[in-house]
């Protein structure tokens, strides 16, 4: 899979969001989240931080509301949270290895 960027292949009347997720730790119940969203069809860019006891629920609601076509996150989180982030979801999940200093 890959991110579709070609105008002719994008749906003209709907957003084509690409989402990237970062977390403060691997325990989803206690983590704070950083979420960046880019609409590849318009260039719109959104970023937010979700924290506190309802952060996981808020993240899930935000992802479901925006319905990105692809969600990118570190490989360690994809392994730990894969089912929570993919089961019954409309987006593809792509993980990447984090780079060291």
Protein backbone atom coordinates (compact mmCIF):
# COMPACT_ATOMS: atom_id res chain seq x y z
CA UNK A 1 0.00 0.00 0.00
CA UNK A 2 0.95 3.60 -0.48
CA UNK A 3 -0.51 7.03 -0.07
CA UNK A 4 -2.49 8.14 -3.12
CA UNK A 5 -1.48 11.65 -4.16
CA UNK A 6 -2.59 11.72 -7.80
CA UNK A 7 -5.55 14.10 -8.26
CA UNK A 8 -7.22 11.79 -10.78
CA UNK A 9 -7.30 8.96 -8.22
CA UNK A 10 -8.62 11.00 -5.28
CA UNK A 11 -12.34 11.32 -4.59
CA UNK A 12 -13.26 14.87 -5.59
CA UNK A 13 -15.94 15.48 -2.97
CA UNK A 14 -14.33 13.98 0.10
CA UNK A 15 -11.27 14.62 2.19
CA UNK A 16 -8.24 12.35 1.84
CA UNK A 17 -6.72 12.52 5.28
CA UNK A 18 -3.36 11.05 6.22
CA UNK A 19 -2.89 10.81 10.00
CA UNK A 20 0.28 10.41 12.07
CA UNK A 21 0.21 9.42 15.73
CA UNK A 22 2.79 9.76 18.50
CA UNK A 23 2.40 8.73 22.14
CA UNK A 24 4.20 9.44 25.39
CA UNK A 25 4.45 5.72 26.18
CA UNK A 26 3.26 2.27 25.24
CA UNK A 27 0.53 2.06 27.90
CA UNK A 28 -2.46 3.38 25.96
CA UNK A 29 -4.50 3.88 29.13
CA UNK A 30 -1.93 6.33 30.57
CA UNK A 31 -0.43 7.86 27.42
CA UNK A 32 -0.69 11.36 26.06
CA UNK A 33 -1.11 11.49 22.29
CA UNK A 34 0.03 13.79 19.52
CA UNK A 35 -2.05 13.60 16.36
CA UNK A 36 -1.23 15.27 13.05
CA UNK A 37 -3.66 15.18 10.14
CA UNK A 38 -3.01 16.30 6.57
CA UNK A 39 -5.57 16.38 3.79
CA UNK A 40 -3.50 15.37 0.78
CA UNK A 41 -6.16 16.69 -1.61
CA UNK A 42 -6.28 20.26 -0.22
CA UNK A 43 -3.11 20.71 1.86
CA UNK A 44 -5.09 21.35 5.05
CA UNK A 45 -2.94 20.51 8.10
CA UNK A 46 -4.21 19.96 11.65
CA UNK A 47 -2.36 19.03 14.80
CA UNK A 48 -3.55 18.40 18.34
CA UNK A 49 -2.46 16.94 21.66
CA UNK A 50 -4.77 14.71 23.65
CA UNK A 51 -4.02 14.15 27.32
CA UNK A 52 -5.67 13.28 30.57
CA UNK A 53 -7.74 10.31 31.71
CA UNK A 54 -9.96 10.39 28.58
CA UNK A 55 -7.12 10.75 26.05
CA UNK A 56 -7.56 7.29 24.51
CA UNK A 57 -11.31 7.78 24.08
CA UNK A 58 -10.76 11.28 22.66
CA UNK A 59 -8.17 9.95 20.20
CA UNK A 60 -10.52 7.19 19.04
CA UNK A 61 -13.36 9.69 18.57
CA UNK A 62 -11.13 12.10 16.64
CA UNK A 63 -9.86 9.37 14.32
CA UNK A 64 -13.38 8.08 13.72
CA UNK A 65 -14.67 11.61 13.06
CA UNK A 66 -11.94 12.40 10.51
CA UNK A 67 -11.73 8.84 9.08
CA UNK A 68 -8.20 9.09 7.66
CA UNK A 69 -7.35 6.84 4.76
CA UNK A 70 -4.04 5.96 6.38
CA UNK A 71 -2.68 6.08 9.93
CA UNK A 72 1.10 6.22 10.43
CA UNK A 73 2.65 5.40 13.79
CA UNK A 74 5.87 4.00 15.27
CA UNK A 75 6.32 0.25 14.78
CA UNK A 76 6.43 -0.35 18.55
CA UNK A 77 2.97 1.16 18.96
CA UNK A 78 1.60 -0.70 15.95
CA UNK A 79 2.68 -3.97 17.55
CA UNK A 80 1.29 -3.04 20.97
CA UNK A 81 -1.94 -1.36 19.88
CA UNK A 82 -2.64 -2.88 16.47
CA UNK A 83 -6.02 -4.41 17.32
CA UNK A 84 -7.30 -1.30 19.11
CA UNK A 85 -6.39 0.93 16.17
CA UNK A 86 -7.43 -1.35 13.31
CA UNK A 87 -10.33 -3.62 14.26
CA UNK A 88 -13.39 -2.39 12.39
CA UNK A 89 -11.66 0.81 11.27
CA UNK A 90 -11.78 2.21 7.71
CA UNK A 91 -8.12 3.25 7.53
CA UNK A 92 -4.95 1.41 6.63
CA UNK A 93 -2.27 1.38 9.31
CA UNK A 94 1.37 1.93 8.35
CA UNK A 95 4.16 1.69 10.87
CA UNK A 96 7.72 2.85 10.71
CA UNK A 97 10.83 2.22 12.74
CA UNK A 98 11.85 5.21 14.78
CA UNK A 99 15.23 6.69 14.03
CA UNK A 100 17.80 7.08 16.79
CA UNK A 101 19.77 10.26 17.52
